[in-house]
Amino acid sequence: MEQSSDTNKKPHISSGLLIAIVVAVAAIVIAVILGVALVLANREEPVSVSSGPVSIGYAAEAKVLLDQNELQAAMDEAMENTKNGNIGLKYKNNAYSSDGLNFECYIANSSANKFDMFLTIFTDAAMTDQIFISELVPPGSGFENITLDRELGLGDHTVYVVLTQVETEEDEQVIKRQVAHTMEFHVGKY
């Protein structure tokens, strides 16, 4: 009896199928490499408040001058860092003014804090309408009076106070943590 030649044959992969498999594997490898490169290229570096000639400093009546886009980017980064700890604040929830510009208040950087901080006050929850930004406030220091950048109208106003902790690292000021809370600002005869 003659043995059939079909039973001794090894499975054969056509050269077209082999090329298709090699191309598919190469495409997957290239896609993975590109994906990793994109993730690494879009990785954000730590935001530094003093990434140029402008720096937050201590001054009696000076305003902190920062590019609004740089400040917003720093605030966004700091909000992410709030998961790493808390900011101690001493304050009274109500501030009073007869002219809508000069307010009696109590806002202090707790002496338990490790870092200096600055305050930014907004009139809206979206935090786009800024009415005050302070200089750096060391731990254990604060305000009993503040003057807004523009006056608030007669009545009661809920404002949004953003506290930003700043650490000096190798001659750079780096935002460490940030939290926001509300306060009530009252304008009228008090």
Protein backbone atom coordinates (compact mmCIF):
# COMPACT_ATOMS: atom_id res chain seq x y z
CA MET A 1 0.00 0.00 0.00
CA GLU A 2 1.25 3.34 -0.95
CA GLN A 3 1.36 6.11 1.58
CA SER A 4 -0.34 9.29 0.59
CA SER A 5 1.90 12.31 0.24
CA ASP A 6 -0.73 14.43 2.05
CA THR A 7 -0.06 12.81 5.43
CA ASN A 8 3.67 13.67 5.48
CA LYS A 9 3.33 17.36 4.61
CA LYS A 10 4.03 20.01 7.26
CA PRO A 11 1.65 22.95 7.50
CA HIS A 12 2.77 25.68 5.13
CA ILE A 13 2.28 29.41 5.72
CA SER A 14 2.07 31.37 2.56
CA SER A 15 4.61 34.13 2.13
CA GLY A 16 1.79 36.68 1.77
CA LEU A 17 0.33 35.70 5.16
CA LEU A 18 3.79 35.80 6.77
CA ILE A 19 4.40 39.32 5.44
CA ALA A 20 0.98 40.44 6.71
CA ILE A 21 1.76 39.11 10.22
CA VAL A 22 5.18 40.82 10.30
CA VAL A 23 3.64 44.12 9.14
CA ALA A 24 0.88 43.88 11.77
CA VAL A 25 3.38 43.19 14.58
CA ALA A 26 5.57 46.09 13.39
CA ALA A 27 2.53 48.42 13.31
CA ILE A 28 1.61 47.46 16.88
CA VAL A 29 5.16 48.05 18.10
CA ILE A 30 5.28 51.45 16.36
CA ALA A 31 1.87 52.40 17.82
CA VAL A 32 3.04 51.51 21.35
CA ILE A 33 6.26 53.51 20.92
CA LEU A 34 4.32 56.54 19.61
CA GLY A 35 1.83 56.27 22.47
CA VAL A 36 4.59 56.26 25.07
CA ALA A 37 6.32 59.18 23.33
CA LEU A 38 3.10 61.22 23.32
CA VAL A 39 2.46 60.56 27.00
CA LEU A 40 6.00 61.57 27.92
CA ALA A 41 5.90 64.67 25.69
CA ASN A 42 2.63 65.89 27.27
CA ARG A 43 3.81 65.30 30.82
CA GLU A 44 3.68 68.56 32.76
CA GLU A 45 6.66 69.78 34.69
CA PRO A 46 6.13 71.36 38.14
CA VAL A 47 4.77 74.88 37.83
CA SER A 48 6.96 77.60 39.21
CA VAL A 49 5.50 80.99 40.04
CA SER A 50 8.81 82.66 39.25
CA SER A 51 9.46 81.17 35.84
CA GLY A 52 10.75 84.51 34.65
CA PRO A 53 11.74 87.88 35.99
CA VAL A 54 8.45 88.25 37.93
CA SER A 55 8.39 86.87 41.46
CA ILE A 56 6.00 86.96 44.40
CA GLY A 57 7.65 89.00 47.09
CA TYR A 58 7.07 90.67 50.42
CA ALA A 59 6.04 94.29 50.07
CA ALA A 60 3.92 96.52 52.26
CA GLU A 61 1.55 97.86 49.60
CA ALA A 62 2.77 96.17 46.42
CA LYS A 63 0.56 94.16 44.14
CA VAL A 64 1.70 90.77 42.91
CA LEU A 65 2.09 91.04 39.15
CA LEU A 66 1.78 87.79 37.26
CA ASP A 67 0.69 86.83 33.78
CA GLN A 68 -2.93 85.63 34.17
CA ASN A 69 -2.31 82.48 32.11
CA GLU A 70 0.76 81.59 34.19
CA LEU A 71 -1.20 82.18 37.39
CA GLN A 72 -4.12 80.05 36.18
CA ALA A 73 -1.79 77.20 35.21
CA ALA A 74 -0.11 77.40 38.62
CA MET A 75 -3.48 77.43 40.38
CA ASP A 76 -4.68 74.39 38.43
CA GLU A 77 -1.51 72.50 39.35
CA ALA A 78 -1.81 73.49 43.00
CA MET A 79 -5.43 72.38 43.16
CA GLU A 80 -4.24 68.92 42.12
CA ASN A 81 -1.67 69.03 44.94
CA THR A 82 -4.34 69.58 47.61
CA LYS A 83 -4.61 65.81 47.87
CA ASN A 84 -1.15 65.87 49.52
CA GLY A 85 -2.18 67.80 52.60
CA ASN A 86 -4.16 70.61 54.13
CA ILE A 87 -3.69 74.34 54.57
CA GLY A 88 -4.34 75.71 58.04
CA LEU A 89 -6.19 79.02 58.01
CA LYS A 90 -7.48 81.25 60.77
CA TYR A 91 -10.30 83.52 59.68
CA LYS A 92 -13.68 84.98 60.51
CA ASN A 93 -16.26 84.20 57.88
CA ASN A 94 -17.63 87.77 57.69
CA ALA A 95 -15.89 90.93 56.47
CA TYR A 96 -17.43 94.39 56.69
CA SER A 97 -17.10 97.61 54.69
CA SER A 98 -18.94 100.90 54.56
CA ASP A 99 -17.53 101.87 51.13
CA GLY A 100 -17.31 98.47 49.35
CA LEU A 101 -13.55 98.85 48.90
CA ASN A 102 -11.92 98.74 52.36
CA PHE A 103 -12.91 95.73 54.45
CA GLU A 104 -12.38 94.88 58.11
CA CYS A 105 -11.71 91.16 58.25
CA TYR A 106 -9.56 88.53 59.87
CA ILE A 107 -7.65 86.18 57.56
CA ALA A 108 -4.37 84.65 58.79
CA ASN A 109 -1.88 82.01 57.70
CA SER A 110 -1.91 79.62 60.64
CA SER A 111 1.34 79.38 62.58
CA ALA A 112 0.98 75.59 62.20
CA ASN A 113 1.62 75.92 58.47
CA LYS A 114 5.03 75.16 57.04
CA PHE A 115 4.80 77.48 54.02
CA ASP A 116 4.11 81.10 53.17
CA MET A 117 0.89 81.68 51.28
CA PHE A 118 -0.94 84.30 49.25
CA LEU A 119 -4.66 84.98 48.96
CA THR A 120 -6.69 85.59 45.84
CA ILE A 121 -10.34 86.66 46.18
CA PHE A 122 -12.93 86.25 43.41
CA THR A 123 -16.57 87.34 43.16
CA ASP A 124 -17.66 84.30 41.16
CA ALA A 125 -17.54 80.54 41.66
CA ALA A 126 -15.77 80.10 38.30
CA MET A 127 -12.96 82.20 39.81
CA THR A 128 -12.64 84.49 36.82
CA ASP A 129 -13.56 87.84 38.43
CA GLN A 130 -10.57 88.60 40.69
CA ILE A 131 -10.95 91.49 43.16
CA PHE A 132 -7.91 90.98 45.40
CA ILE A 133 -4.50 89.29 45.42
CA SER A 134 -2.13 89.60 48.36
CA GLU A 135 1.60 89.50 48.78
CA LEU A 136 3.15 86.50 50.53
CA VAL A 137 1.93 85.96 54.08
CA PRO A 138 4.32 84.06 56.39
CA PRO A 139 2.95 81.50 58.88
CA GLY A 140 1.51 83.28 61.92
CA SER A 141 0.75 86.50 59.96
CA GLY A 142 -2.40 87.78 58.34
CA PHE A 143 -4.79 90.62 57.60
CA GLU A 144 -7.19 92.63 59.73
CA ASN A 145 -8.00 94.95 56.83
CA ILE A 146 -7.85 94.57 53.07
CA THR A 147 -8.48 96.94 50.17
CA LEU A 148 -10.06 95.42 47.08
CA ASP A 149 -8.96 96.22 43.53
CA ARG A 150 -12.48 97.52 42.83
CA GLU A 151 -15.46 98.15 45.04
CA LEU A 152 -18.38 95.86 45.68
CA GLY A 153 -21.92 97.25 45.62
CA LEU A 154 -24.17 97.74 48.63
CA GLY A 155 -25.37 94.48 50.17
CA ASP A 156 -24.08 91.03 51.02
CA HIS A 157 -21.65 89.18 48.75
CA THR A 158 -20.37 85.61 48.85
CA VAL A 159 -16.75 85.70 47.69
CA TYR A 160 -14.36 82.86 46.90
CA VAL A 161 -11.01 82.97 48.69
CA VAL A 162 -8.21 80.88 47.19
CA LEU A 163 -5.28 80.14 49.51
CA THR A 164 -2.06 79.20 47.79
CA GLN A 165 0.94 77.84 49.69
CA VAL A 166 4.33 78.72 48.22
CA GLU A 167 7.70 77.14 48.97
CA THR A 168 11.03 78.61 47.94
CA GLU A 169 13.24 75.97 46.33
CA GLU A 170 16.64 76.98 44.95
CA ASP A 171 15.66 80.62 44.39
CA GLU A 172 12.32 79.64 42.80
CA GLN A 173 8.91 79.97 44.37
CA VAL A 174 6.88 76.84 43.75
CA ILE A 175 3.18 76.49 44.48
CA LYS A 176 2.71 73.54 46.85
CA ARG A 177 -0.98 73.40 47.76
CA GLN A 178 -4.12 75.34 47.10
CA VAL A 179 -7.62 75.38 48.55
CA ALA A 180 -10.66 77.56 48.05
CA HIS A 181 -13.44 78.48 50.44
CA THR A 182 -16.18 81.08 50.68
CA MET A 183 -16.51 84.15 52.88
CA GLU A 184 -19.27 86.69 53.27
CA PHE A 185 -18.40 90.31 52.45
CA HIS A 186 -20.96 92.85 53.68
CA VAL A 187 -21.18 96.39 52.32
CA GLY A 188 -23.27 98.99 54.14
CA LYS A 189 -23.53 100.73 57.51
CA TYR A 190 -22.09 98.44 60.19
